Protein backbone atom coordinates (compact mmCIF):
# COMPACT_ATOMS: atom_id res chain seq x y z
CA UNK A 1 132.28 104.41 -129.79
CA UNK A 2 129.57 102.00 -130.90
CA UNK A 3 126.55 103.65 -132.63
CA UNK A 4 123.30 104.12 -130.64
CA UNK A 5 121.59 100.54 -130.42
CA UNK A 6 118.55 102.02 -132.34
CA UNK A 7 121.02 102.46 -135.36
CA UNK A 8 122.35 98.86 -135.34
CA UNK A 9 121.63 96.84 -138.33
CA UNK A 10 119.71 99.72 -140.03
CA UNK A 11 122.50 101.64 -141.91
CA UNK A 12 123.94 100.70 -145.26
CA UNK A 13 126.45 103.62 -144.97
CA UNK A 14 127.86 105.37 -141.82
CA UNK A 15 126.23 108.71 -142.70
CA UNK A 16 123.39 111.13 -141.74
CA UNK A 17 121.80 113.46 -144.37
CA UNK A 18 121.62 116.77 -142.37
CA UNK A 19 118.48 118.69 -141.81
CA UNK A 20 118.47 121.71 -144.14
CA UNK A 21 116.17 124.61 -143.54
CA UNK A 22 113.56 125.10 -146.31
CA UNK A 23 115.22 122.17 -148.12
CA UNK A 24 114.49 118.94 -146.19
CA UNK A 25 111.01 117.48 -146.05
CA UNK A 26 109.26 114.13 -145.71
CA UNK A 27 110.13 112.86 -149.26
CA UNK A 28 113.85 113.30 -148.96
CA UNK A 29 113.73 111.79 -145.31
CA UNK A 30 111.66 108.73 -146.53
CA UNK A 31 113.93 107.98 -149.45
CA UNK A 32 117.14 108.49 -147.46
CA UNK A 33 115.94 106.21 -144.75
CA UNK A 34 114.91 103.44 -147.15
CA UNK A 35 118.43 103.49 -148.67
CA UNK A 36 120.07 103.00 -145.39
CA UNK A 37 121.09 106.54 -144.38
CA UNK A 38 119.70 108.56 -141.48
CA UNK A 39 117.29 111.13 -142.91
CA UNK A 40 116.41 114.28 -141.00
CA UNK A 41 114.51 117.54 -141.36
CA UNK A 42 114.11 120.71 -139.25
CA UNK A 43 110.83 120.96 -137.42
CA UNK A 44 110.42 124.67 -138.54
CA UNK A 45 110.23 123.49 -142.22
CA UNK A 46 106.73 123.03 -141.65
CA UNK A 47 104.80 126.23 -140.85
CA UNK A 48 102.93 124.95 -137.80
CA UNK A 49 103.27 122.37 -134.93
CA UNK A 50 100.13 120.74 -136.26
CA UNK A 51 101.71 120.29 -139.72
CA UNK A 52 104.86 119.02 -138.17
CA UNK A 53 102.76 116.35 -136.31
CA UNK A 54 101.20 115.40 -139.74
CA UNK A 55 104.66 115.08 -141.28
CA UNK A 56 105.94 112.68 -138.65
CA UNK A 57 102.78 110.62 -139.20
CA UNK A 58 103.40 110.50 -142.96
CA UNK A 59 107.09 109.47 -142.47
CA UNK A 60 106.34 106.72 -139.91
CA UNK A 61 103.44 105.33 -141.85
CA UNK A 62 105.40 105.21 -145.15
CA UNK A 63 108.58 103.66 -143.59
CA UNK A 64 106.40 101.09 -141.71
CA UNK A 65 104.60 100.01 -144.97
CA UNK A 66 107.90 99.87 -146.78
CA UNK A 67 109.53 97.67 -144.18
CA UNK A 68 106.58 95.38 -144.28
CA UNK A 69 106.48 95.06 -148.01
CA UNK A 70 110.34 94.59 -148.39
CA UNK A 71 111.16 92.85 -145.21
CA UNK A 72 114.07 95.30 -144.81
CA UNK A 73 114.80 97.66 -141.87
CA UNK A 74 114.91 101.43 -142.78
CA UNK A 75 117.42 103.72 -141.09
CA UNK A 76 116.17 105.78 -138.25
CA UNK A 77 114.80 109.27 -139.08
CA UNK A 78 115.48 112.50 -137.10
CA UNK A 79 114.24 115.92 -136.35
CA UNK A 80 116.18 119.04 -135.79
CA UNK A 81 114.99 121.52 -133.07
CA UNK A 82 116.45 125.12 -132.89
CA UNK A 83 116.80 125.56 -129.13
CA UNK A 84 116.86 129.25 -129.00
CA UNK A 85 114.70 131.98 -127.50
CA UNK A 86 113.84 133.38 -130.89
CA UNK A 87 112.08 129.96 -131.74
CA UNK A 88 108.58 130.08 -130.02
CA UNK A 89 107.69 126.58 -131.05
CA UNK A 90 110.41 124.64 -129.02
CA UNK A 91 108.19 123.26 -126.38
CA UNK A 92 105.19 122.48 -128.50
CA UNK A 93 107.28 120.77 -131.13
CA UNK A 94 109.06 118.80 -128.38
CA UNK A 95 105.73 117.52 -127.16
CA UNK A 96 105.04 116.23 -130.62
CA UNK A 97 108.49 114.62 -130.89
CA UNK A 98 107.80 112.82 -127.52
CA UNK A 99 104.23 111.80 -128.74
CA UNK A 100 105.75 110.18 -131.83
CA UNK A 101 108.79 108.76 -130.00
CA UNK A 102 111.03 110.14 -132.74
CA UNK A 103 114.24 108.10 -132.83
CA UNK A 104 116.71 110.97 -133.25
CA UNK A 105 116.55 114.66 -132.22
CA UNK A 106 119.27 116.94 -133.41
CA UNK A 107 119.52 120.13 -131.28
CA UNK A 108 121.13 123.44 -132.27
CA UNK A 109 122.01 126.64 -130.60
CA UNK A 110 121.37 125.32 -127.04
CA UNK A 111 122.05 122.08 -125.25
CA UNK A 112 119.25 121.75 -122.67
CA UNK A 113 119.44 118.79 -120.11
CA UNK A 114 115.54 118.92 -119.70
CA UNK A 115 115.15 118.39 -123.45
CA UNK A 116 117.60 115.57 -123.52
CA UNK A 117 115.85 113.98 -120.51
CA UNK A 118 112.50 114.19 -122.30
CA UNK A 119 113.91 112.44 -125.41
CA UNK A 120 115.68 109.80 -123.31
CA UNK A 121 112.31 109.10 -121.51
CA UNK A 122 111.14 107.09 -124.47
CA UNK A 123 114.40 105.78 -125.66
CA UNK A 124 115.26 108.43 -128.15
CA UNK A 125 118.72 109.67 -128.98
CA UNK A 126 119.96 113.41 -129.02
CA UNK A 127 122.86 114.66 -131.16
CA UNK A 128 123.93 118.25 -130.79
CA UNK A 129 125.63 120.68 -133.23
CA UNK A 130 128.94 122.06 -131.89
CA UNK A 131 131.53 124.31 -133.42
CA UNK A 132 134.11 124.62 -130.54
CA UNK A 133 135.17 122.85 -127.27
CA UNK A 134 133.11 125.19 -125.19
CA UNK A 135 129.93 124.25 -126.97
CA UNK A 136 130.93 120.55 -126.84
CA UNK A 137 131.60 120.62 -123.10
CA UNK A 138 128.23 122.28 -122.55
CA UNK A 139 126.52 119.48 -124.58
CA UNK A 140 128.37 116.99 -122.66
CA UNK A 141 127.05 118.40 -119.39
CA UNK A 142 123.63 118.10 -120.85
CA UNK A 143 124.26 114.36 -121.48
CA UNK A 144 123.65 114.33 -125.13
CA UNK A 145 124.33 111.02 -126.91
CA UNK A 146 126.30 112.50 -129.84
CA UNK A 147 128.26 115.58 -130.95
CA UNK A 148 128.02 116.89 -134.47
CA UNK A 149 131.30 118.58 -135.24
CA UNK A 150 130.36 121.36 -137.64
CA UNK A 151 133.80 122.05 -139.06
CA UNK A 152 135.38 124.76 -141.28
CA UNK A 153 133.80 124.80 -144.70
CA UNK A 154 130.54 123.23 -143.74
CA UNK A 155 127.24 124.64 -144.88
CA UNK A 156 124.75 126.23 -142.59
CA UNK A 157 125.98 127.55 -139.14
CA UNK A 158 129.43 126.34 -139.58
CA UNK A 159 132.54 126.77 -137.36
CA UNK A 160 136.10 127.67 -138.14
CA UNK A 161 138.05 124.75 -136.75
CA UNK A 162 139.86 122.22 -138.81
CA UNK A 163 138.49 118.62 -138.27
CA UNK A 164 142.04 117.27 -137.78
CA UNK A 165 142.31 119.48 -134.72
CA UNK A 166 138.75 119.54 -133.47
CA UNK A 167 137.86 115.74 -133.57
CA UNK A 168 140.87 114.50 -131.45
CA UNK A 169 140.15 117.10 -128.88
CA UNK A 170 136.47 116.16 -128.59
CA UNK A 171 137.33 112.40 -128.58
CA UNK A 172 139.81 112.89 -125.73
CA UNK A 173 136.78 114.10 -123.50
CA UNK A 174 133.71 112.38 -125.09
CA UNK A 175 133.02 108.65 -125.51
CA UNK A 176 129.63 109.12 -127.17
CA UNK A 177 128.79 109.16 -130.96
CA UNK A 178 130.86 111.66 -132.94
CA UNK A 179 129.68 113.04 -136.28
CA UNK A 180 131.91 115.02 -138.55
CA UNK A 181 130.39 117.72 -140.90
CA UNK A 182 132.26 119.89 -143.37
CA UNK A 183 132.78 119.46 -147.20
CA UNK A 184 131.80 115.87 -147.38
CA UNK A 185 130.20 115.33 -150.75
CA UNK A 186 131.15 111.86 -151.84
CA UNK A 187 131.99 108.34 -150.43
CA UNK A 188 135.64 109.12 -150.19
CA UNK A 189 134.88 111.82 -147.78
CA UNK A 190 132.70 109.56 -145.65
CA UNK A 191 135.76 107.06 -145.53
CA UNK A 192 137.93 109.90 -144.58
CA UNK A 193 135.78 110.90 -141.69
CA UNK A 194 135.68 107.38 -140.50
CA UNK A 195 139.47 107.10 -140.72
CA UNK A 196 139.88 110.17 -138.52
CA UNK A 197 137.76 108.62 -135.84
CA UNK A 198 134.24 109.83 -136.52
CA UNK A 199 131.45 107.33 -136.12
CA UNK A 200 129.20 108.99 -138.69
CA UNK A 201 129.73 111.43 -141.54
CA UNK A 202 127.22 114.25 -141.81
CA UNK A 203 126.35 115.51 -145.25
CA UNK A 204 124.23 118.52 -146.04
CA UNK A 205 125.04 120.39 -149.28
CA UNK A 206 125.37 117.08 -151.34
CA UNK A 207 121.59 116.29 -150.44
CA UNK A 208 120.39 119.70 -151.58
CA UNK A 209 120.96 118.66 -155.15
CA UNK A 210 118.71 115.57 -155.17
CA UNK A 211 115.46 115.09 -156.98
CA UNK A 212 113.45 114.83 -153.62
CA UNK A 213 114.93 117.99 -152.18
CA UNK A 214 112.61 121.04 -151.71
CA UNK A 215 115.28 123.43 -152.91
CA UNK A 216 114.30 125.67 -155.74
CA UNK A 217 115.80 124.75 -159.11
CA UNK A 218 117.73 127.98 -159.15
CA UNK A 219 119.42 127.02 -156.00
CA UNK A 220 120.34 123.62 -157.32
CA UNK A 221 121.69 125.10 -160.53
CA UNK A 222 123.75 127.60 -158.47
CA UNK A 223 125.45 124.77 -156.63
CA UNK A 224 126.41 122.99 -159.74
CA UNK A 225 128.01 126.11 -161.00
CA UNK A 226 129.68 127.11 -157.82
CA UNK A 227 133.14 126.26 -156.31
CA UNK A 228 134.63 126.43 -152.89
CA UNK A 229 135.69 130.09 -153.42
CA UNK A 230 132.07 131.05 -153.84
CA UNK A 231 131.28 130.35 -150.33
CA UNK A 232 130.87 133.47 -148.02
CA UNK A 233 131.20 132.97 -144.24
CA UNK A 234 129.13 135.70 -142.52
CA UNK A 235 126.84 136.32 -139.46
CA UNK A 236 124.77 138.88 -141.41
CA UNK A 237 121.95 136.58 -142.33
CA UNK A 238 120.77 135.18 -139.00
CA UNK A 239 123.23 136.63 -136.48
CA UNK A 240 125.13 133.28 -136.24
CA UNK A 241 128.18 132.88 -138.50
CA UNK A 242 127.25 130.75 -141.50
CA UNK A 243 128.22 129.66 -145.07
CA UNK A 244 126.24 131.16 -148.01
CA UNK A 245 126.51 131.16 -151.82
CA UNK A 246 128.00 134.43 -153.05
CA UNK A 247 125.86 134.36 -156.09
CA UNK A 248 122.69 134.17 -153.93
CA UNK A 249 123.80 137.15 -151.85
CA UNK A 250 124.31 139.16 -154.93
CA UNK A 251 120.96 137.98 -156.36
CA UNK A 252 119.29 139.41 -153.21
CA UNK A 253 120.75 142.81 -154.01
CA UNK A 254 123.48 142.70 -151.37
CA UNK A 255 127.19 143.23 -151.57
CA UNK A 256 128.96 139.98 -150.25
CA UNK A 257 131.93 142.05 -149.33
CA UNK A 258 130.06 144.78 -147.53
CA UNK A 259 127.09 143.08 -145.68
CA UNK A 260 125.10 144.83 -143.03
CA UNK A 261 125.84 144.13 -139.39
CA UNK A 262 123.47 141.84 -137.59
CA UNK A 263 124.14 141.79 -133.83
CA UNK A 264 121.25 139.66 -132.53
CA UNK A 265 120.30 136.07 -133.23
CA UNK A 266 116.82 135.92 -134.46
CA UNK A 267 115.44 133.39 -137.00
CA UNK A 268 112.21 135.14 -137.25
CA UNK A 269 113.29 138.56 -138.54
CA UNK A 270 114.31 139.62 -141.95
CA UNK A 271 117.58 140.63 -143.46
CA UNK A 272 116.60 144.12 -144.89
CA UNK A 273 119.00 146.01 -147.11
CA UNK A 274 118.04 149.37 -148.40
CA UNK A 275 114.75 149.43 -150.29
CA UNK A 276 114.52 145.67 -150.11
CA UNK A 277 113.29 142.89 -147.77
CA UNK A 278 114.56 139.29 -148.04
CA UNK A 279 113.77 136.57 -145.50
CA UNK A 280 116.77 135.11 -144.10
CA UNK A 281 117.62 131.72 -145.68
CA UNK A 282 114.78 131.97 -148.35
CA UNK A 283 116.59 134.14 -150.85
CA UNK A 284 120.02 133.92 -149.48
CA UNK A 285 121.03 130.26 -149.85
CA UNK A 286 123.32 128.28 -147.69
CA UNK A 287 125.93 125.81 -148.91
CA UNK A 288 129.28 124.39 -147.92
CA UNK A 289 132.72 124.52 -149.64
CA UNK A 290 132.12 121.02 -151.01
CA UNK A 291 130.01 122.49 -153.89
CA UNK A 292 132.88 122.23 -156.27
CA UNK A 293 132.45 118.40 -156.68
CA UNK A 294 128.64 118.55 -157.16
CA UNK A 295 127.52 118.58 -160.78
CA UNK A 296 124.26 116.75 -160.87
CA UNK A 297 120.73 116.31 -159.20
CA UNK A 298 120.12 112.50 -158.87
CA UNK A 299 117.30 110.78 -156.94
CA UNK A 300 118.31 110.18 -153.32
CA UNK A 301 118.45 106.28 -153.99
CA UNK A 302 120.91 106.65 -156.81
CA UNK A 303 123.08 109.21 -154.95
CA UNK A 304 123.37 106.82 -151.86
CA UNK A 305 124.16 103.88 -154.21
CA UNK A 306 126.97 106.00 -155.59
CA UNK A 307 128.22 107.05 -152.17
CA UNK A 308 128.35 103.37 -150.99
CA UNK A 309 130.41 102.44 -154.08
CA UNK A 310 132.79 105.30 -153.56
CA UNK A 311 133.10 104.58 -149.87
CA UNK A 312 133.84 100.88 -150.41
CA UNK A 313 136.41 101.70 -153.14
CA UNK A 314 138.08 104.28 -150.81
CA UNK A 315 138.21 101.65 -147.98
CA UNK A 316 139.55 98.92 -150.24
CA UNK A 317 142.09 101.27 -151.86
CA UNK A 318 143.46 102.31 -148.48
CA UNK A 319 143.69 98.58 -147.27
CA UNK A 320 145.60 97.67 -150.57
CA UNK A 321 148.05 100.52 -150.25
CA UNK A 322 148.96 99.76 -146.72
C-alpha cells in the first residue's frame, strides 16, 4: 500500500516516532520531522486546549522556517487523541486540530467515523491504534487511513499478538497503510517490519532516551539499565493492559507481582496504593521490551542518522545473502 500522499518525498526513513504520554513535546517533534521521520505527541501532554493550540503554532512556525532556510521538506507531524469518555478534551482538541489542519491524527481507544470525517475534511490522515482484529475491523468501518498494530512487547497500551500472526491477518482485509509497533529499537527492526509487509515502523521506547525527550533523567537511566524481563504487562495503572518498567513500579511503593485491581478505564484518576498516591504514568513509567538494546541518550538527529545507517545495512545484507 502506498503511503499517504502527504508523506511522499518527505521521509528519510519509513518510520514514525510514537506519541508518548508525558514524554513527547514540541522539541522532539520538531527535531524528528527535520530528520525525516514523522514526529508526534499526545494532545494531553499540554495541560490545556489553549496550550495545545500554542504548541501546534510553535511546531508549524519552526518547521516552516527550517524548510525555507534549508530548502528541504520536513516529515509530517502528528497528534494523538485519546478518544474515550474519560478524556473531556476530545472535542475541543479536535477543533484545534481542524483549525491547524494537522497532517496526521493518531486515535486511541475509540475509532469514531465523525472524527475521521472531520480530519478528512481538510485533507488530513487518521491512523488508529489496534491490538486485535476486532479493533482493526472497527477502525476499518470508521474509514481510517492507517492501522497501527501494537503487538506483543510494545510499550504503552500494548497487545498480546505476535506480529507474524497479526500483520498478515490485517493485510488480508485492509489495503490502507499498516504500521507495526513492538520492540523496534534499531534500523534492523525497521527493515524487519518492512520485510514483513508493514508500510511504516512505529518506534516509541527508543525515542524516550533522546536529548529532546521530556522524560525525567531517572526514567532514561532506568531504561538503559533494564532488559526485556523487566517489563510488566498489567491493566493496573490505567485500566487498559500496558507495559511498564518493573523498577518504576517498585519505586512507586507497589509490588509488581501483586498489583491492585483496576476495573475501569480512566486516565484522570490516580493509582492509589495504601498510604500513597501516584498519578498514573507520572511515577509508573511505561516502556517496551526493546529496552535491552538501548544504552544511550543521543540527540534525535544523531539517533535517526544511526537508524538510517542500520536500516540501509540491513537491507543491503539481506539482498547480498539472497
